[in-house]
Amino acid sequence: MSDMQDYASSLSDVKSRKFETFSYLPEMDKEQIRKQVEYIVSKGWNPAVEHTEPENAFGHYWYMWKLPMFGETNVDTVLDEAEACHKAHPNNHVRLVGYDNYAQSKGAEMVVFRGKPV
């Protein structure tokens, strides 16, 4: 039986904070992010992009980048919007969300760009 691994994360250390499921895994490369977007689109979920300052990631709502991309099926369009948000707000965390209309909740959510704490 393997030992449980402890992640050094604290509220006072912005860089150590964990966000959503994927943040406990090694950082995803562009191809792995693309696969996640393909999954979101294949499920019929509506993609959206959100961002926030690293110090506000836990206690505040995230800002929505434009409106959710209702009915968007082009993976490149979704990735381009995430990249545009990151370029406009380079110091912010940027996350990709897949809204599930049927369950009326988020079906997927992952940080795709980590901001630099000020």
PDB file of N, CA and C in Angstrom:
ATOM      1  N   MET A   1       0.850  -1.176   0.000  1.00  0.00           N
ATOM      2  CA  MET A   1       0.000   0.000   0.000  1.00  0.00           C
ATOM      3  C   MET A   1       0.892   1.234   0.000  1.00  0.00           C
ATOM      4  N   SER A   2       0.566   2.178  -0.858  1.00  0.00           N
ATOM      5  CA  SER A   2       1.387   3.386  -0.940  1.00  0.00           C
ATOM      6  C   SER A   2       0.967   4.404   0.108  1.00  0.00           C
ATOM      7  N   ASP A   3       1.914   5.239   0.477  1.00  0.00           N
ATOM      8  CA  ASP A   3       1.630   6.297   1.441  1.00  0.00           C
ATOM      9  C   ASP A   3       0.898   7.433   0.749  1.00  0.00           C
ATOM     10  N   MET A   4       0.036   8.096   1.505  1.00  0.00           N
ATOM     11  CA  MET A   4      -0.668   9.243   0.971  1.00  0.00           C
ATOM     12  C   MET A   4       0.302  10.411   0.879  1.00  0.00           C
ATOM     13  N   GLN A   5       0.265  11.123  -0.239  1.00  0.00           N
ATOM     14  CA  GLN A   5       1.169  12.256  -0.434  1.00  0.00           C
ATOM     15  C   GLN A   5       0.508  13.527   0.072  1.00  0.00           C
ATOM     16  N   ASP A   6       1.253  14.322   0.804  1.00  0.00           N
ATOM     17  CA  ASP A   6       0.771  15.595   1.318  1.00  0.00           C
ATOM     18  C   ASP A   6       1.239  16.701   0.381  1.00  0.00           C
ATOM     19  N   TYR A   7       0.324  17.549  -0.051  1.00  0.00           N
ATOM     20  CA  TYR A   7       0.685  18.675  -0.909  1.00  0.00           C
ATOM     21  C   TYR A   7       0.881  19.906  -0.044  1.00  0.00           C
ATOM     22  N   ALA A   8       2.042  20.509  -0.184  1.00  0.00           N
ATOM     23  CA  ALA A   8       2.328  21.727   0.573  1.00  0.00           C
ATOM     24  C   ALA A   8       1.554  22.874  -0.051  1.00  0.00           C
ATOM     25  N   SER A   9       0.435  23.213   0.539  1.00  0.00           N
ATOM     26  CA  SER A   9      -0.419  24.274   0.028  1.00  0.00           C
ATOM     27  C   SER A   9      -0.910  25.095   1.213  1.00  0.00           C
ATOM     28  N   SER A  10      -0.891  26.401   1.046  1.00  0.00           N
ATOM     29  CA  SER A  10      -1.375  27.251   2.126  1.00  0.00           C
ATOM     30  C   SER A  10      -2.009  28.503   1.545  1.00  0.00           C
ATOM     31  N   LEU A  11      -2.903  29.085   2.294  1.00  0.00           N
ATOM     32  CA  LEU A  11      -3.559  30.319   1.844  1.00  0.00           C
ATOM     33  C   LEU A  11      -2.578  31.470   1.767  1.00  0.00           C
ATOM     34  N   SER A  12      -1.568  31.480   2.618  1.00  0.00           N
ATOM     35  CA  SER A  12      -0.625  32.592   2.620  1.00  0.00           C
ATOM     36  C   SER A  12       0.371  32.528   1.456  1.00  0.00           C
ATOM     37  N   ASP A  13       0.582  31.337   0.899  1.00  0.00           N
ATOM     38  CA  ASP A  13       1.505  31.179  -0.228  1.00  0.00           C
ATOM     39  C   ASP A  13       0.695  30.980  -1.504  1.00  0.00           C
ATOM     40  N   VAL A  14       0.500  32.071  -2.262  1.00  0.00           N
ATOM     41  CA  VAL A  14      -0.353  32.059  -3.445  1.00  0.00           C
ATOM     42  C   VAL A  14       0.101  31.028  -4.470  1.00  0.00           C
ATOM     43  N   LYS A  15       1.397  30.848  -4.633  1.00  0.00           N
ATOM     44  CA  LYS A  15       1.916  29.928  -5.653  1.00  0.00           C
ATOM     45  C   LYS A  15       1.658  28.462  -5.307  1.00  0.00           C
ATOM     46  N   SER A  16       1.417  28.157  -4.037  1.00  0.00           N
ATOM     47  CA  SER A  16       1.237  26.762  -3.644  1.00  0.00           C
ATOM     48  C   SER A  16      -0.217  26.298  -3.726  1.00  0.00           C
ATOM     49  N   ARG A  17      -1.140  27.201  -3.951  1.00  0.00           N
ATOM     50  CA  ARG A  17      -2.558  26.858  -3.916  1.00  0.00           C
ATOM     51  C   ARG A  17      -2.963  25.908  -5.033  1.00  0.00           C
ATOM     52  N   LYS A  18      -3.894  25.033  -4.716  1.00  0.00           N
ATOM     53  CA  LYS A  18      -4.392  24.047  -5.667  1.00  0.00           C
ATOM     54  C   LYS A  18      -5.789  24.451  -6.129  1.00  0.00           C
ATOM     55  N   PHE A  19      -6.068  24.267  -7.432  1.00  0.00           N
ATOM     56  CA  PHE A  19      -7.350  24.630  -8.014  1.00  0.00           C
ATOM     57  C   PHE A  19      -7.905  23.443  -8.785  1.00  0.00           C
ATOM     58  N   GLU A  20      -9.092  23.044  -8.483  1.00  0.00           N
ATOM     59  CA  GLU A  20      -9.770  21.977  -9.176  1.00  0.00           C
ATOM     60  C   GLU A  20      -8.951  20.685  -9.201  1.00  0.00           C
ATOM     61  N   THR A  21      -9.484  19.675  -9.796  1.00  0.00           N
ATOM     62  CA  THR A  21      -8.883  18.350  -9.800  1.00  0.00           C
ATOM     63  C   THR A  21      -7.520  18.316 -10.464  1.00  0.00           C
ATOM     64  N   PHE A  22      -7.396  18.942 -11.642  1.00  0.00           N
ATOM     65  CA  PHE A  22      -6.172  18.825 -12.419  1.00  0.00           C
ATOM     66  C   PHE A  22      -4.974  19.516 -11.778  1.00  0.00           C
ATOM     67  N   SER A  23      -5.195  20.407 -10.839  1.00  0.00           N
ATOM     68  CA  SER A  23      -4.069  21.117 -10.243  1.00  0.00           C
ATOM     69  C   SER A  23      -3.207  20.214  -9.367  1.00  0.00           C
ATOM     70  N   TYR A  24      -3.708  19.042  -9.023  1.00  0.00           N
ATOM     71  CA  TYR A  24      -2.916  18.106  -8.231  1.00  0.00           C
ATOM     72  C   TYR A  24      -2.064  17.193  -9.110  1.00  0.00           C
ATOM     73  N   LEU A  25      -2.247  17.313 -10.409  1.00  0.00           N
ATOM     74  CA  LEU A  25      -1.470  16.553 -11.374  1.00  0.00           C
ATOM     75  C   LEU A  25      -0.382  17.446 -11.949  1.00  0.00           C
ATOM     76  N   PRO A  26       0.595  16.880 -12.638  1.00  0.00           N
ATOM     77  CA  PRO A  26       1.572  17.732 -13.317  1.00  0.00           C
ATOM     78  C   PRO A  26       0.860  18.672 -14.291  1.00  0.00           C
ATOM     79  N   GLU A  27       1.420  19.837 -14.536  1.00  0.00           N
ATOM     80  CA  GLU A  27       0.805  20.822 -15.406  1.00  0.00           C
ATOM     81  C   GLU A  27       0.545  20.226 -16.792  1.00  0.00           C
ATOM     82  N   MET A  28      -0.633  20.496 -17.338  1.00  0.00           N
ATOM     83  CA  MET A  28      -0.994  19.961 -18.643  1.00  0.00           C
ATOM     84  C   MET A  28      -0.291  20.738 -19.751  1.00  0.00           C
ATOM     85  N   ASP A  29       0.121  20.022 -20.794  1.00  0.00           N
ATOM     86  CA  ASP A  29       0.684  20.711 -21.957  1.00  0.00           C
ATOM     87  C   ASP A  29      -0.476  21.068 -22.905  1.00  0.00           C
ATOM     88  N   LYS A  30      -0.145  21.748 -24.002  1.00  0.00           N
ATOM     89  CA  LYS A  30      -1.176  22.219 -24.927  1.00  0.00           C
ATOM     90  C   LYS A  30      -2.011  21.081 -25.505  1.00  0.00           C
ATOM     91  N   GLU A  31      -1.389  19.956 -25.793  1.00  0.00           N
ATOM     92  CA  GLU A  31      -2.125  18.828 -26.358  1.00  0.00           C
ATOM     93  C   GLU A  31      -3.099  18.227 -25.340  1.00  0.00           C
ATOM     94  N   GLN A  32      -2.693  18.155 -24.087  1.00  0.00           N
ATOM     95  CA  GLN A  32      -3.582  17.629 -23.047  1.00  0.00           C
ATOM     96  C   GLN A  32      -4.762  18.579 -22.805  1.00  0.00           C
ATOM     97  N   ILE A  33      -4.503  19.889 -22.847  1.00  0.00           N
ATOM     98  CA  ILE A  33      -5.591  20.866 -22.713  1.00  0.00           C
ATOM     99  C   ILE A  33      -6.547  20.719 -23.889  1.00  0.00           C
ATOM    100  N   ARG A  34      -5.999  20.543 -25.093  1.00  0.00           N
ATOM    101  CA  ARG A  34      -6.822  20.355 -26.288  1.00  0.00           C
ATOM    102  C   ARG A  34      -7.736  19.138 -26.114  1.00  0.00           C
ATOM    103  N   LYS A  35      -7.208  18.056 -25.565  1.00  0.00           N
ATOM    104  CA  LYS A  35      -8.010  16.847 -25.341  1.00  0.00           C
ATOM    105  C   LYS A  35      -9.171  17.126 -24.382  1.00  0.00           C
ATOM    106  N   GLN A  36      -8.918  17.940 -23.370  1.00  0.00           N
ATOM    107  CA  GLN A  36      -9.975  18.289 -22.426  1.00  0.00           C
ATOM    108  C   GLN A  36     -11.064  19.120 -23.105  1.00  0.00           C
ATOM    109  N   VAL A  37     -10.649  20.052 -23.965  1.00  0.00           N
ATOM    110  CA  VAL A  37     -11.625  20.861 -24.700  1.00  0.00           C
ATOM    111  C   VAL A  37     -12.419  19.965 -25.653  1.00  0.00           C
ATOM    112  N   GLU A  38     -11.760  19.036 -26.307  1.00  0.00           N
ATOM    113  CA  GLU A  38     -12.454  18.089 -27.182  1.00  0.00           C
ATOM    114  C   GLU A  38     -13.504  17.304 -26.401  1.00  0.00           C
ATOM    115  N   TYR A  39     -13.164  16.914 -25.176  1.00  0.00           N
ATOM    116  CA  TYR A  39     -14.111  16.188 -24.328  1.00  0.00           C
ATOM    117  C   TYR A  39     -15.321  17.066 -23.999  1.00  0.00           C
ATOM    118  N   ILE A  40     -15.056  18.321 -23.609  1.00  0.00           N
ATOM    119  CA  ILE A  40     -16.141  19.259 -23.275  1.00  0.00           C
ATOM    120  C   ILE A  40     -17.080  19.416 -24.464  1.00  0.00           C
ATOM    121  N   VAL A  41     -16.519  19.632 -25.633  1.00  0.00           N
ATOM    122  CA  VAL A  41     -17.314  19.828 -26.843  1.00  0.00           C
ATOM    123  C   VAL A  41     -18.066  18.550 -27.208  1.00  0.00           C
ATOM    124  N   SER A  42     -17.418  17.390 -27.062  1.00  0.00           N
ATOM    125  CA  SER A  42     -18.065  16.123 -27.423  1.00  0.00           C
ATOM    126  C   SER A  42     -19.265  15.813 -26.523  1.00  0.00           C
ATOM    127  N   LYS A  43     -19.243  16.312 -25.295  1.00  0.00           N
ATOM    128  CA  LYS A  43     -20.354  16.103 -24.369  1.00  0.00           C
ATOM    129  C   LYS A  43     -21.512  17.073 -24.629  1.00  0.00           C
ATOM    130  N   GLY A  44     -21.285  18.055 -25.517  1.00  0.00           N
ATOM    131  CA  GLY A  44     -22.317  19.048 -25.792  1.00  0.00           C
ATOM    132  C   GLY A  44     -22.381  20.150 -24.755  1.00  0.00           C
ATOM    133  N   TRP A  45     -21.355  20.229 -23.918  1.00  0.00           N
ATOM    134  CA  TRP A  45     -21.328  21.272 -22.895  1.00  0.00           C
ATOM    135  C   TRP A  45     -20.920  22.601 -23.513  1.00  0.00           C
ATOM    136  N   ASN A  46     -21.333  23.685 -22.891  1.00  0.00           N
ATOM    137  CA  ASN A  46     -21.000  25.015 -23.374  1.00  0.00           C
ATOM    138  C   ASN A  46     -19.708  25.491 -22.726  1.00  0.00           C
ATOM    139  N   PRO A  47     -18.665  25.729 -23.524  1.00  0.00           N
ATOM    140  CA  PRO A  47     -17.402  26.197 -22.952  1.00  0.00           C
ATOM    141  C   PRO A  47     -17.487  27.667 -22.551  1.00  0.00           C
ATOM    142  N   ALA A  48     -16.710  28.013 -21.542  1.00  0.00           N
ATOM    143  CA  ALA A  48     -16.587  29.399 -21.110  1.00  0.00           C
ATOM    144  C   ALA A  48     -15.187  29.594 -20.533  1.00  0.00           C
ATOM    145  N   VAL A  49     -14.746  30.834 -20.518  1.00  0.00           N
ATOM    146  CA  VAL A  49     -13.430  31.179 -19.984  1.00  0.00           C
ATOM    147  C   VAL A  49     -13.638  32.170 -18.844  1.00  0.00           C
ATOM    148  N   GLU A  50     -12.953  31.937 -17.727  1.00  0.00           N
ATOM    149  CA  GLU A  50     -13.004  32.824 -16.567  1.00  0.00           C
ATOM    150  C   GLU A  50     -11.583  33.162 -16.137  1.00  0.00           C
ATOM    151  N   HIS A  51     -11.442  34.275 -15.412  1.00  0.00           N
ATOM    152  CA  HIS A  51     -10.118  34.663 -14.919  1.00  0.00           C
ATOM    153  C   HIS A  51     -10.254  35.427 -13.611  1.00  0.00           C
ATOM    154  N   THR A  52      -9.170  35.439 -12.840  1.00  0.00           N
ATOM    155  CA  THR A  52      -9.125  36.204 -11.599  1.00  0.00           C
ATOM    156  C   THR A  52      -7.679  36.392 -11.180  1.00  0.00           C
ATOM    157  N   GLU A  53      -7.477  37.337 -10.290  1.00  0.00           N
ATOM    158  CA  GLU A  53      -6.155  37.559  -9.722  1.00  0.00           C
ATOM    159  C   GLU A  53      -5.819  36.394  -8.798  1.00  0.00           C
ATOM    160  N   PRO A  54      -4.551  35.958  -8.758  1.00  0.00           N
ATOM    161  CA  PRO A  54      -4.193  34.810  -7.908  1.00  0.00           C
ATOM    162  C   PRO A  54      -4.601  34.979  -6.447  1.00  0.00           C
ATOM    163  N   GLU A  55      -4.466  36.174  -5.922  1.00  0.00           N
ATOM    164  CA  GLU A  55      -4.792  36.373  -4.505  1.00  0.00           C
ATOM    165  C   GLU A  55      -6.298  36.321  -4.237  1.00  0.00           C
ATOM    166  N   ASN A  56      -7.138  36.406  -5.284  1.00  0.00           N
ATOM    167  CA  ASN A  56      -8.594  36.379  -5.114  1.00  0.00           C
ATOM    168  C   ASN A  56      -9.221  35.069  -5.570  1.00  0.00           C
ATOM    169  N   ALA A  57      -8.420  34.095  -5.895  1.00  0.00           N
ATOM    170  CA  ALA A  57      -8.941  32.868  -6.502  1.00  0.00           C
ATOM    171  C   ALA A  57      -9.854  32.070  -5.575  1.00  0.00           C
ATOM    172  N   PHE A  58      -9.693  32.193  -4.275  1.00  0.00           N
ATOM    173  CA  PHE A  58     -10.498  31.387  -3.359  1.00  0.00           C
ATOM    174  C   PHE A  58     -11.709  32.105  -2.794  1.00  0.00           C
ATOM    175  N   GLY A  59     -11.570  33.364  -2.438  1.00  0.00           N
ATOM    176  CA  GLY A  59     -12.633  34.054  -1.724  1.00  0.00           C
ATOM    177  C   GLY A  59     -13.502  34.943  -2.578  1.00  0.00           C
ATOM    178  N   HIS A  60     -13.346  34.898  -3.901  1.00  0.00           N
ATOM    179  CA  HIS A  60     -14.093  35.786  -4.780  1.00  0.00           C
ATOM    180  C   HIS A  60     -14.604  35.026  -5.997  1.00  0.00           C
ATOM    181  N   TYR A  61     -15.636  35.581  -6.606  1.00  0.00           N
ATOM    182  CA  TYR A  61     -16.076  35.026  -7.881  1.00  0.00           C
ATOM    183  C   TYR A  61     -15.045  35.342  -8.953  1.00  0.00           C
ATOM    184  N   TRP A  62     -14.922  34.489  -9.933  1.00  0.00           N
ATOM    185  CA  TRP A  62     -14.014  34.723 -11.046  1.00  0.00           C
ATOM    186  C   TRP A  62     -14.735  35.567 -12.087  1.00  0.00           C
ATOM    187  N   TYR A  63     -13.996  36.401 -12.801  1.00  0.00           N
ATOM    188  CA  TYR A  63     -14.560  37.226 -13.859  1.00  0.00           C
ATOM    189  C   TYR A  63     -14.811  36.364 -15.093  1.00  0.00           C
ATOM    190  N   MET A  64     -15.946  36.576 -15.737  1.00  0.00           N
ATOM    191  CA  MET A  64     -16.210  35.841 -16.962  1.00  0.00           C
ATOM    192  C   MET A  64     -15.582  36.598 -18.126  1.00  0.00           C
ATOM    193  N   TRP A  65     -14.870  35.880 -18.972  1.00  0.00           N
ATOM    194  CA  TRP A  65     -14.288  36.454 -20.188  1.00  0.00           C
ATOM    195  C   TRP A  65     -15.348  36.311 -21.278  1.00  0.00           C
ATOM    196  N   LYS A  66     -15.957  37.407 -21.656  1.00  0.00           N
ATOM    197  CA  LYS A  66     -17.055  37.414 -22.629  1.00  0.00           C
ATOM    198  C   LYS A  66     -18.196  36.537 -22.103  1.00  0.00           C
ATOM    199  N   LEU A  67     -19.081  36.113 -22.969  1.00  0.00           N
ATOM    200  CA  LEU A  67     -20.171  35.224 -22.580  1.00  0.00           C
ATOM    201  C   LEU A  67     -19.752  33.779 -22.811  1.00  0.00           C
ATOM    202  N   PRO A  68     -20.442  32.824 -22.183  1.00  0.00           N
ATOM    203  CA  PRO A  68     -20.146  31.429 -22.516  1.00  0.00           C
ATOM    204  C   PRO A  68     -20.335  31.218 -24.021  1.00  0.00           C
ATOM    205  N   MET A  69     -19.602  30.286 -24.573  1.00  0.00           N
ATOM    206  CA  MET A  69     -19.639  30.026 -26.016  1.00  0.00           C
ATOM    207  C   MET A  69     -20.715  28.986 -26.306  1.00  0.00           C
ATOM    208  N   PHE A  70     -21.970  29.420 -26.218  1.00  0.00           N
ATOM    209  CA  PHE A  70     -23.116  28.525 -26.371  1.00  0.00           C
ATOM    210  C   PHE A  70     -23.081  27.821 -27.721  1.00  0.00           C
ATOM    211  N   GLY A  71     -23.076  26.497 -27.689  1.00  0.00           N
ATOM    212  CA  GLY A  71     -23.123  25.707 -28.899  1.00  0.00           C
ATOM    213  C   GLY A  71     -21.823  25.629 -29.682  1.00  0.00           C
ATOM    214  N   GLU A  72     -20.743  26.167 -29.139  1.00  0.00           N
ATOM    215  CA  GLU A  72     -19.457  26.158 -29.859  1.00  0.00           C
ATOM    216  C   GLU A  72     -18.919  24.738 -29.950  1.00  0.00           C
ATOM    217  N   THR A  73     -18.559  24.323 -31.171  1.00  0.00           N
ATOM    218  CA  THR A  73     -18.014  22.989 -31.374  1.00  0.00           C
ATOM    219  C   THR A  73     -16.593  23.013 -31.928  1.00  0.00           C
ATOM    220  N   ASN A  74     -16.071  24.193 -32.214  1.00  0.00           N
ATOM    221  CA  ASN A  74     -14.717  24.313 -32.756  1.00  0.00           C
ATOM    222  C   ASN A  74     -13.725  24.432 -31.604  1.00  0.00           C
ATOM    223  N   VAL A  75     -12.896  23.432 -31.444  1.00  0.00           N
ATOM    224  CA  VAL A  75     -11.927  23.388 -30.345  1.00  0.00           C
ATOM    225  C   VAL A  75     -10.954  24.560 -30.435  1.00  0.00           C
ATOM    226  N   ASP A  76     -10.518  24.898 -31.651  1.00  0.00           N
ATOM    227  CA  ASP A  76      -9.562  25.995 -31.823  1.00  0.00           C
ATOM    228  C   ASP A  76     -10.143  27.331 -31.382  1.00  0.00           C
ATOM    229  N   THR A  77     -11.429  27.548 -31.609  1.00  0.00           N
ATOM    230  CA  THR A  77     -12.080  28.783 -31.172  1.00  0.00           C
ATOM    231  C   THR A  77     -12.036  28.900 -29.652  1.00  0.00           C
ATOM    232  N   VAL A  78     -12.313  27.806 -28.968  1.00  0.00           N
ATOM    233  CA  VAL A  78     -12.296  27.805 -27.500  1.00  0.00           C
ATOM    234  C   VAL A  78     -10.880  28.086 -26.991  1.00  0.00           C
ATOM    235  N   LEU A  79      -9.901  27.392 -27.560  1.00  0.00           N
ATOM    236  CA  LEU A  79      -8.510  27.594 -27.140  1.00  0.00           C
ATOM    237  C   LEU A  79      -8.031  29.013 -27.447  1.00  0.00           C
ATOM    238  N   ASP A  80      -8.464  29.578 -28.576  1.00  0.00           N
ATOM    239  CA  ASP A  80      -8.089  30.953 -28.925  1.00  0.00           C
ATOM    240  C   ASP A  80      -8.650  31.948 -27.915  1.00  0.00           C
ATOM    241  N   GLU A  81      -9.866  31.717 -27.428  1.00  0.00           N
ATOM    242  CA  GLU A  81     -10.459  32.616 -26.427  1.00  0.00           C
ATOM    243  C   GLU A  81      -9.701  32.533 -25.099  1.00  0.00           C
ATOM    244  N   ALA A  82      -9.306  31.326 -24.711  1.00  0.00           N
ATOM    245  CA  ALA A  82      -8.522  31.181 -23.471  1.00  0.00           C
ATOM    246  C   ALA A  82      -7.184  31.905 -23.613  1.00  0.00           C
ATOM    247  N   GLU A  83      -6.566  31.764 -24.764  1.00  0.00           N
ATOM    248  CA  GLU A  83      -5.287  32.443 -25.029  1.00  0.00           C
ATOM    249  C   GLU A  83      -5.465  33.966 -25.047  1.00  0.00           C
ATOM    250  N   ALA A  84      -6.545  34.450 -25.649  1.00  0.00           N
ATOM    251  CA  ALA A  84      -6.813  35.889 -25.688  1.00  0.00           C
ATOM    252  C   ALA A  84      -7.025  36.443 -24.284  1.00  0.00           C
ATOM    253  N   CYS A  85      -7.718  35.695 -23.448  1.00  0.00           N
ATOM    254  CA  CYS A  85      -7.917  36.117 -22.063  1.00  0.00           C
ATOM    255  C   CYS A  85      -6.586  36.183 -21.335  1.00  0.00           C
ATOM    256  N   HIS A  86      -5.750  35.176 -21.550  1.00  0.00           N
ATOM    257  CA  HIS A  86      -4.432  35.149 -20.902  1.00  0.00           C
ATOM    258  C   HIS A  86      -3.564  36.326 -21.360  1.00  0.00           C
ATOM    259  N   LYS A  87      -3.615  36.648 -22.632  1.00  0.00           N
ATOM    260  CA  LYS A  87      -2.833  37.782 -23.144  1.00  0.00           C
ATOM    261  C   LYS A  87      -3.342  39.110 -22.592  1.00  0.00           C
ATOM    262  N   ALA A  88      -4.659  39.216 -22.429  1.00  0.00           N
ATOM    263  CA  ALA A  88      -5.239  40.448 -21.888  1.00  0.00           C
ATOM    264  C   ALA A  88      -5.001  40.594 -20.391  1.00  0.00           C
ATOM    265  N   HIS A  89      -4.880  39.479 -19.700  1.00  0.00           N
ATOM    266  CA  HIS A  89      -4.690  39.471 -18.240  1.00  0.00           C
ATOM    267  C   HIS A  89      -3.568  38.504 -17.881  1.00  0.00           C
ATOM    268  N   PRO A  90      -2.318  38.831 -18.225  1.00  0.00           N
ATOM    269  CA  PRO A  90      -1.207  37.880 -18.047  1.00  0.00           C
ATOM    270  C   PRO A  90      -0.897  37.520 -16.599  1.00  0.00           C
ATOM    271  N   ASN A  91      -1.308  38.347 -15.648  1.00  0.00           N
ATOM    272  CA  ASN A  91      -1.028  38.056 -14.241  1.00  0.00           C
ATOM    273  C   ASN A  91      -2.158  37.294 -13.554  1.00  0.00           C
ATOM    274  N   ASN A  92      -3.227  37.012 -14.285  1.00  0.00           N
ATOM    275  CA  ASN A  92      -4.381  36.326 -13.705  1.00  0.00           C
ATOM    276  C   ASN A  92      -4.362  34.829 -14.013  1.00  0.00           C
ATOM    277  N   HIS A  93      -5.032  34.065 -13.150  1.00  0.00           N
ATOM    278  CA  HIS A  93      -5.320  32.670 -13.460  1.00  0.00           C
ATOM    279  C   HIS A  93      -6.439  32.670 -14.501  1.00  0.00           C
ATOM    280  N   VAL A  94      -6.355  31.768 -15.449  1.00  0.00           N
ATOM    281  CA  VAL A  94      -7.398  31.618 -16.467  1.00  0.00           C
ATOM    282  C   VAL A  94      -7.872  30.178 -16.408  1.00  0.00           C
ATOM    283  N   ARG A  95      -9.184  29.998 -16.323  1.00  0.00           N
ATOM    284  CA  ARG A  95      -9.710  28.638 -16.292  1.00  0.00           C
ATOM    285  C   ARG A  95     -10.757  28.451 -17.384  1.00  0.00           C
ATOM    286  N   LEU A  96     -10.847  27.217 -17.802  1.00  0.00           N
ATOM    287  CA  LEU A  96     -11.796  26.808 -18.817  1.00  0.00           C
ATOM    288  C   LEU A  96     -12.910  26.028 -18.119  1.00  0.00           C
ATOM    289  N   VAL A  97     -14.142  26.341 -18.466  1.00  0.00           N
ATOM    290  CA  VAL A  97     -15.304  25.713 -17.837  1.00  0.00           C
ATOM    291  C   VAL A  97     -16.166  25.082 -18.926  1.00  0.00           C
ATOM    292  N   GLY A  98     -16.745  23.939 -18.635  1.00  0.00           N
ATOM    293  CA  GLY A  98     -17.741  23.314 -19.507  1.00  0.00           C
ATOM    294  C   GLY A  98     -19.056  23.247 -18.759  1.00  0.00           C
ATOM    295  N   TYR A  99     -20.034  24.046 -19.198  1.00  0.00           N
ATOM    296  CA  TYR A  99     -21.347  24.069 -18.545  1.00  0.00           C
ATOM    297  C   TYR A  99     -22.250  22.997 -19.146  1.00  0.00           C
ATOM    298  N   ASP A 100     -22.796  22.164 -18.283  1.00  0.00           N
ATOM    299  CA  ASP A 100     -23.691  21.080 -18.680  1.00  0.00           C
ATOM    300  C   ASP A 100     -25.125  21.592 -18.578  1.00  0.00           C
ATOM    301  N   ASN A 101     -25.779  21.796 -19.730  1.00  0.00           N
ATOM    302  CA  ASN A 101     -27.156  22.307 -19.734  1.00  0.00           C
ATOM    303  C   ASN A 101     -28.130  21.359 -19.051  1.00  0.00           C
ATOM    304  N   TYR A 102     -27.931  20.070 -19.260  1.00  0.00           N
ATOM    305  CA  TYR A 102     -28.866  19.094 -18.716  1.00  0.00           C
ATOM    306  C   TYR A 102     -28.821  19.073 -17.185  1.00  0.00           C
ATOM    307  N   ALA A 103     -27.627  18.975 -16.618  1.00  0.00           N
ATOM    308  CA  ALA A 103     -27.491  18.928 -15.156  1.00  0.00           C
ATOM    309  C   ALA A 103     -27.539  20.327 -14.546  1.00  0.00           C
ATOM    310  N   GLN A 104     -27.480  21.355 -15.376  1.00  0.00           N
ATOM    311  CA  GLN A 104     -27.472  22.751 -14.939  1.00  0.00           C
ATOM    312  C   GLN A 104     -26.372  23.002 -13.913  1.00  0.00           C
ATOM    313  N   SER A 105     -25.187  22.546 -14.289  1.00  0.00           N
ATOM    314  CA  SER A 105     -24.024  22.732 -13.431  1.00  0.00           C
ATOM    315  C   SER A 105     -22.765  22.697 -14.294  1.00  0.00           C
ATOM    316  N   LYS A 106     -21.632  22.873 -13.662  1.00  0.00           N
ATOM    317  CA  LYS A 106     -20.367  22.761 -14.370  1.00  0.00           C
ATOM    318  C   LYS A 106     -20.037  21.279 -14.530  1.00  0.00           C
ATOM    319  N   GLY A 107     -19.761  20.865 -15.754  1.00  0.00           N
ATOM    320  CA  GLY A 107     -19.366  19.491 -15.996  1.00  0.00           C
ATOM    321  C   GLY A 107     -17.863  19.315 -15.925  1.00  0.00           C
ATOM    322  N   ALA A 108     -17.145  20.417 -16.199  1.00  0.00           N
ATOM    323  CA  ALA A 108     -15.684  20.396 -16.169  1.00  0.00           C
ATOM    324  C   ALA A 108     -15.196  21.791 -15.828  1.00  0.00           C
ATOM    325  N   GLU A 109     -14.030  21.845 -15.196  1.00  0.00           N
ATOM    326  CA  GLU A 109     -13.445  23.132 -14.819  1.00  0.00           C
ATOM    327  C   GLU A 109     -11.968  22.901 -14.553  1.00  0.00           C
ATOM    328  N   MET A 110     -11.118  23.671 -15.233  1.00  0.00           N
ATOM    329  CA  MET A 110      -9.678  23.491 -15.042  1.00  0.00           C
ATOM    330  C   MET A 110      -8.945  24.802 -15.300  1.00  0.00           C
ATOM    331  N   VAL A 111      -7.925  25.069 -14.505  1.00  0.00           N
ATOM    332  CA  VAL A 111      -7.066  26.222 -14.729  1.00  0.00           C
ATOM    333  C   VAL A 111      -6.111  25.864 -15.853  1.00  0.00           C
ATOM    334  N   VAL A 112      -6.105  26.687 -16.920  1.00  0.00           N
ATOM    335  CA  VAL A 112      -5.252  26.402 -18.064  1.00  0.00           C
ATOM    336  C   VAL A 112      -4.039  27.335 -18.121  1.00  0.00           C
ATOM    337  N   PHE A 113      -4.097  28.468 -17.413  1.00  0.00           N
ATOM    338  CA  PHE A 113      -2.957  29.378 -17.275  1.00  0.00           C
ATOM    339  C   PHE A 113      -2.919  29.850 -15.829  1.00  0.00           C
ATOM    340  N   ARG A 114      -1.757  29.761 -15.209  1.00  0.00           N
ATOM    341  CA  ARG A 114      -1.582  30.279 -13.852  1.00  0.00           C
ATOM    342  C   ARG A 114      -0.970  31.660 -13.922  1.00  0.00           C
ATOM    343  N   GLY A 115      -1.555  32.597 -13.183  1.00  0.00           N
ATOM    344  CA  GLY A 115      -1.038  33.949 -13.130  1.00  0.00           C
ATOM    345  C   GLY A 115       0.155  34.046 -12.203  1.00  0.00           C
ATOM    346  N   LYS A 116       0.794  35.170 -12.282  1.00  0.00           N
ATOM    347  CA  LYS A 116       1.958  35.430 -11.419  1.00  0.00           C
ATOM    348  C   LYS A 116       1.494  36.304 -10.261  1.00  0.00           C
ATOM    349  N   PRO A 117       1.691  35.848  -9.028  1.00  0.00           N
ATOM    350  CA  PRO A 117       1.276  36.658  -7.883  1.00  0.00           C
ATOM    351  C   PRO A 117       2.079  37.955  -7.830  1.00  0.00           C
ATOM    352  N   VAL A 118       1.381  39.009  -7.445  1.00  0.00           N
ATOM    353  CA  VAL A 118       2.023  40.331  -7.349  1.00  0.00           C
ATOM    354  C   VAL A 118       2.675  40.519  -6.013  1.00  0.00           C
TER     355      VAL A 118
END
